Structures are given as structure tokens and as C-alpha cells.
Amino acid sequence: MEANMNLSFSQILELVRNLPGEQKIKISQELERETISSKLTELLTAFRTDKLTMDEITEEVEEVRQDLYDKRTSN
């Protein structure tokens, strides 16, 4: 079911303020999921490249892991 309404931000805020606490929590959780999803998509898009191969990425990861291991064992 889809409803089309032209509500201002202040009207929506007032509606949310009048909801019971449990429903406010559900709205908050949904907004958080949506925000995290869009930020993750934005981040992945920013780092997408055809210039790196999987082998190059793996090699870099292994180098960083080795450096971290070396630092832990030298202390």
C-alpha cells in the first residue's frame, strides 16, 4: 500500500513525537539501517577501481598482516 502525502519535515516530526516509545524505536532502527546501507554503498562506490587486481590486494593484505604480526612479537 502506497500513500502519497505532502508533509513538511515539522509535520512528520510532530507525528513521530506522538508515537508510542516502541514505535519510535522501530523508526529509529529503520532509519539507522537505511543510513548505514547508503553510506556503505557510497563508500564502496568511492573505492571501486579496475586498476587493482585481486592478487595485488591479497599481496597488500598479507604485507600488512605480517607487519602487524612482527610488531606484536617484537614487544
Protein backbone atom coordinates (compact mmCIF):
# COMPACT_ATOMS: atom_id res chain seq x y z
CA MET A 1 0.00 0.00 0.00
CA GLU A 2 1.47 3.30 -1.07
CA ALA A 3 0.30 6.68 0.13
CA ASN A 4 1.30 9.98 -1.36
CA MET A 5 1.15 12.92 1.01
CA ASN A 6 2.91 16.23 1.00
CA LEU A 7 4.04 16.64 4.58
CA SER A 8 6.65 19.06 5.80
CA PHE A 9 9.53 17.94 7.97
CA SER A 10 7.95 19.60 11.01
CA GLN A 11 4.68 17.74 10.39
CA ILE A 12 6.50 14.41 10.15
CA LEU A 13 8.48 15.23 13.28
CA GLU A 14 5.27 16.01 15.16
CA LEU A 15 3.74 12.71 14.03
CA VAL A 16 6.81 10.81 15.22
CA ARG A 17 6.79 12.64 18.55
CA ASN A 18 3.22 11.48 19.12
CA LEU A 19 4.06 7.79 18.57
CA PRO A 20 4.49 5.38 21.47
CA GLY A 21 8.09 4.72 22.51
CA GLU A 22 8.27 1.26 20.93
CA GLN A 23 7.26 2.62 17.52
CA LYS A 24 9.78 5.47 17.84
CA ILE A 25 12.49 2.86 18.43
CA LYS A 26 11.40 0.92 15.34
CA ILE A 27 11.52 4.07 13.21
CA SER A 28 14.94 4.91 14.63
CA GLN A 29 16.25 1.43 13.82
CA GLU A 30 14.91 1.58 10.28
CA LEU A 31 16.47 4.99 9.66
CA GLU A 32 19.78 3.70 11.03
CA ARG A 33 19.68 0.67 8.70
CA GLU A 34 18.89 2.89 5.73
CA THR A 35 21.68 5.34 6.60
CA ILE A 36 24.25 2.59 7.09
CA SER A 37 23.25 0.97 3.81
CA SER A 38 23.53 4.20 1.83
CA LYS A 39 26.86 5.12 3.44
CA LEU A 40 28.24 1.65 2.71
CA THR A 41 27.14 1.90 -0.92
CA GLU A 42 28.75 5.33 -1.17
CA LEU A 43 31.97 4.04 0.36
CA LEU A 44 32.13 1.01 -1.92
CA THR A 45 31.49 3.19 -4.95
CA ALA A 46 34.26 5.59 -3.92
CA PHE A 47 36.79 2.76 -3.67
CA ARG A 48 35.72 0.81 -6.76
CA THR A 49 38.53 0.58 -9.26
CA ASP A 50 39.67 -1.52 -12.17
CA LYS A 51 43.29 -0.60 -11.53
CA LEU A 52 43.89 -3.22 -8.82
CA THR A 53 43.84 -6.94 -9.30
CA MET A 54 42.75 -9.37 -6.62
CA ASP A 55 46.35 -10.63 -6.45
CA GLU A 56 47.61 -7.12 -5.71
CA ILE A 57 45.00 -6.64 -2.99
CA THR A 58 45.86 -10.01 -1.44
CA GLU A 59 49.57 -9.21 -1.52
CA GLU A 60 48.99 -5.88 0.26
CA VAL A 61 46.77 -7.51 2.89
CA GLU A 62 49.42 -10.15 3.57
CA GLU A 63 52.11 -7.47 3.94
CA VAL A 64 50.01 -5.55 6.45
CA ARG A 65 49.24 -8.74 8.39
CA GLN A 66 52.93 -9.61 8.51
CA ASP A 67 53.82 -6.11 9.73
CA LEU A 68 51.20 -6.35 12.49
CA TYR A 69 52.44 -9.81 13.48
CA ASP A 70 56.04 -8.58 13.57
CA LYS A 71 55.09 -5.66 15.79
CA ARG A 72 53.23 -7.92 18.24
CA THR A 73 56.03 -10.46 18.50
CA SER A 74 58.79 -7.87 18.93
CA ASN A 75 57.21 -6.38 22.07
